[in-house]
Amino acid sequence: MLTIRKAELRDLKAVKAIDQLLFGADSYPLFVLRQLYDITGDYLLVAETGGEVIGYMLSHLDQAKSQGWLLSLGVLPAHRGKRIGEKLMAASMAAMEKQALPSYT
C-alpha cells in the first residue's frame, strides 16, 4: 500500500539516495537536504510502500509573495508508471492550497 506523508528526519538518507540515483552530480548534498528539511516544514513529502521510501517531493512556500515552488520530485525507476509522482505533486499542492496560495512556480 502506498502512503504519502511528511518526511521525517530519518527519511533524509533515503531521499538523498533517490536524488543521487536520479540526478547524479546535480543532486542535493545531504547537508542541503537537511537544511531544506528544516525550512520547508510540511513541504518535504515522501512516498512509502512496505516501509521503503520510494519517492519524494520537495516544495517551498513563500507566504510573503503568496507563491509555492515545486523544487524537486523523484521516484525510483522500479516504481515509475504508477502515478506516484502525480500523487506526490497533488499532496504538495493540497498542502499549499491550505494556505490559500494563488500560484505555483
C-alpha atoms as a PDB file:
ATOM      1  CA  MET A   1       0.000   0.000   0.000  1.00  0.00           C
ATOM      2  CA  LEU A   2       1.307   3.438  -0.940  1.00  0.00           C
ATOM      3  CA  THR A   3       1.477   6.132   1.711  1.00  0.00           C
ATOM      4  CA  ILE A   4       2.251   9.806   1.059  1.00  0.00           C
ATOM      5  CA  ARG A   5       3.424  11.521   4.224  1.00  0.00           C
ATOM      6  CA  LYS A   6       5.511  14.356   5.572  1.00  0.00           C
ATOM      7  CA  ALA A   7       9.173  13.375   5.621  1.00  0.00           C
ATOM      8  CA  GLU A   8      10.842  12.673   8.923  1.00  0.00           C
ATOM      9  CA  LEU A   9      14.493  13.247   9.731  1.00  0.00           C
ATOM     10  CA  ARG A  10      15.150   9.513   9.409  1.00  0.00           C
ATOM     11  CA  ASP A  11      13.983   9.667   5.756  1.00  0.00           C
ATOM     12  CA  LEU A  12      16.699  12.036   4.565  1.00  0.00           C
ATOM     13  CA  LYS A  13      19.230   9.334   3.663  1.00  0.00           C
ATOM     14  CA  ALA A  14      16.627   7.570   1.514  1.00  0.00           C
ATOM     15  CA  VAL A  15      15.678  10.867  -0.136  1.00  0.00           C
ATOM     16  CA  LYS A  16      19.367  11.539  -0.798  1.00  0.00           C
ATOM     17  CA  ALA A  17      19.811   8.070  -2.313  1.00  0.00           C
ATOM     18  CA  ILE A  18      16.873   8.624  -4.682  1.00  0.00           C
ATOM     19  CA  ASP A  19      18.070  12.118  -5.564  1.00  0.00           C
ATOM     20  CA  GLN A  20      21.609  10.835  -6.222  1.00  0.00           C
ATOM     21  CA  LEU A  21      20.371   7.959  -8.384  1.00  0.00           C
ATOM     22  CA  LEU A  22      18.167  10.210 -10.490  1.00  0.00           C
ATOM     23  CA  PHE A  23      20.181  13.422 -10.697  1.00  0.00           C
ATOM     24  CA  GLY A  24      23.791  12.289 -10.198  1.00  0.00           C
ATOM     25  CA  ALA A  25      26.192  15.213  -9.924  1.00  0.00           C
ATOM     26  CA  ASP A  26      23.240  17.622  -9.835  1.00  0.00           C
ATOM     27  CA  SER A  27      21.703  16.033  -6.735  1.00  0.00           C
ATOM     28  CA  TYR A  28      21.390  17.938  -3.489  1.00  0.00           C
ATOM     29  CA  PRO A  29      24.169  17.305  -0.956  1.00  0.00           C
ATOM     30  CA  LEU A  30      22.873  15.685   2.237  1.00  0.00           C
ATOM     31  CA  PHE A  31      23.571  18.818   4.294  1.00  0.00           C
ATOM     32  CA  VAL A  32      21.434  20.871   1.876  1.00  0.00           C
ATOM     33  CA  LEU A  33      18.603  18.343   2.153  1.00  0.00           C
ATOM     34  CA  ARG A  34      18.860  18.694   5.931  1.00  0.00           C
ATOM     35  CA  GLN A  35      18.619  22.483   5.662  1.00  0.00           C
ATOM     36  CA  LEU A  36      15.657  22.216   3.298  1.00  0.00           C
ATOM     37  CA  TYR A  37      14.017  19.751   5.679  1.00  0.00           C
ATOM     38  CA  ASP A  38      14.391  22.312   8.466  1.00  0.00           C
ATOM     39  CA  ILE A  39      12.996  25.251   6.485  1.00  0.00           C
ATOM     40  CA  THR A  40      10.301  23.683   4.290  1.00  0.00           C
ATOM     41  CA  GLY A  41       8.153  22.385   7.124  1.00  0.00           C
ATOM     42  CA  ASP A  42       5.296  20.354   5.698  1.00  0.00           C
ATOM     43  CA  TYR A  43       6.578  20.556   2.136  1.00  0.00           C
ATOM     44  CA  LEU A  44       9.076  17.699   2.005  1.00  0.00           C
ATOM     45  CA  LEU A  45       6.913  14.670   1.343  1.00  0.00           C
ATOM     46  CA  VAL A  46       7.812  11.034   0.802  1.00  0.00           C
ATOM     47  CA  ALA A  47       6.043   8.157  -0.884  1.00  0.00           C
ATOM     48  CA  GLU A  48       6.433   4.935   1.051  1.00  0.00           C
ATOM     49  CA  THR A  49       5.433   1.358   0.420  1.00  0.00           C
ATOM     50  CA  GLY A  50       6.277  -1.639   2.551  1.00  0.00           C
ATOM     51  CA  GLY A  51       8.338   0.561   4.869  1.00  0.00           C
ATOM     52  CA  GLU A  52      10.574   1.731   1.987  1.00  0.00           C
ATOM     53  CA  VAL A  53      10.790   5.327   0.768  1.00  0.00           C
ATOM     54  CA  ILE A  54      10.356   5.091  -2.999  1.00  0.00           C
ATOM     55  CA  GLY A  55       9.858   8.734  -3.918  1.00  0.00           C
ATOM     56  CA  TYR A  56       9.883  12.286  -2.646  1.00  0.00           C
ATOM     57  CA  MET A  57       8.591  15.764  -3.426  1.00  0.00           C
ATOM     58  CA  LEU A  58      10.343  18.888  -2.209  1.00  0.00           C
ATOM     59  CA  SER A  59       8.443  22.161  -2.301  1.00  0.00           C
ATOM     60  CA  HIS A  60       8.717  25.537  -0.658  1.00  0.00           C
ATOM     61  CA  LEU A  61       6.124  28.058   0.381  1.00  0.00           C
ATOM     62  CA  ASP A  62       6.791  31.803   0.286  1.00  0.00           C
ATOM     63  CA  GLN A  63       3.863  33.228   2.193  1.00  0.00           C
ATOM     64  CA  ALA A  64       5.046  36.823   1.757  1.00  0.00           C
ATOM     65  CA  LYS A  65       4.731  36.501  -2.035  1.00  0.00           C
ATOM     66  CA  SER A  66       1.848  34.020  -1.923  1.00  0.00           C
ATOM     67  CA  GLN A  67       3.820  31.621  -4.118  1.00  0.00           C
ATOM     68  CA  GLY A  68       4.772  27.996  -3.877  1.00  0.00           C
ATOM     69  CA  TRP A  69       7.779  26.422  -5.565  1.00  0.00           C
ATOM     70  CA  LEU A  70       7.966  22.812  -6.623  1.00  0.00           C
ATOM     71  CA  LEU A  71      11.706  22.233  -6.231  1.00  0.00           C
ATOM     72  CA  SER A  72      12.330  18.556  -6.839  1.00  0.00           C
ATOM     73  CA  LEU A  73      10.445  15.350  -7.493  1.00  0.00           C
ATOM     74  CA  GLY A  74      11.882  11.864  -7.719  1.00  0.00           C
ATOM     75  CA  VAL A  75      10.524   8.326  -7.877  1.00  0.00           C
ATOM     76  CA  LEU A  76      12.672   5.199  -8.026  1.00  0.00           C
ATOM     77  CA  PRO A  77      12.715   3.750 -11.552  1.00  0.00           C
ATOM     78  CA  ALA A  78      11.236   0.422 -10.392  1.00  0.00           C
ATOM     79  CA  HIS A  79       8.144   2.280  -9.158  1.00  0.00           C
ATOM     80  CA  ARG A  80       7.507   4.559 -12.121  1.00  0.00           C
ATOM     81  CA  GLY A  81       4.325   4.322 -14.137  1.00  0.00           C
ATOM     82  CA  LYS A  82       2.184   4.024 -11.012  1.00  0.00           C
ATOM     83  CA  ARG A  83       1.288   7.725 -10.791  1.00  0.00           C
ATOM     84  CA  ILE A  84       3.357   8.136  -7.631  1.00  0.00           C
ATOM     85  CA  GLY A  85       4.848  11.416  -8.852  1.00  0.00           C
ATOM     86  CA  GLU A  86       1.365  12.693  -9.608  1.00  0.00           C
ATOM     87  CA  LYS A  87       0.205  11.736  -6.104  1.00  0.00           C
ATOM     88  CA  LEU A  88       3.206  13.460  -4.516  1.00  0.00           C
ATOM     89  CA  MET A  89       2.552  16.586  -6.576  1.00  0.00           C
ATOM     90  CA  ALA A  90      -1.144  16.599  -5.664  1.00  0.00           C
ATOM     91  CA  ALA A  91      -0.354  16.212  -1.957  1.00  0.00           C
ATOM     92  CA  SER A  92       2.181  19.029  -2.101  1.00  0.00           C
ATOM     93  CA  MET A  93      -0.201  21.340  -3.925  1.00  0.00           C
ATOM     94  CA  ALA A  94      -3.020  20.481  -1.500  1.00  0.00           C
ATOM     95  CA  ALA A  95      -0.777  21.401   1.445  1.00  0.00           C
ATOM     96  CA  MET A  96      -0.026  24.757  -0.181  1.00  0.00           C
ATOM     97  CA  GLU A  97      -3.651  25.370  -1.077  1.00  0.00           C
ATOM     98  CA  LYS A  98      -4.498  25.140   2.612  1.00  0.00           C
ATOM     99  CA  GLN A  99      -2.520  28.371   2.831  1.00  0.00           C
ATOM    100  CA  ALA A 100      -4.693  29.831   0.021  1.00  0.00           C
ATOM    101  CA  LEU A 101      -1.853  30.201  -2.472  1.00  0.00           C
ATOM    102  CA  PRO A 102      -2.926  31.552  -5.844  1.00  0.00           C
ATOM    103  CA  SER A 103       0.124  30.430  -7.871  1.00  0.00           C
ATOM    104  CA  TYR A 104       2.847  27.801  -8.244  1.00  0.00           C
ATOM    105  CA  THR A 105       6.237  28.075  -9.886  1.00  0.00           C
END
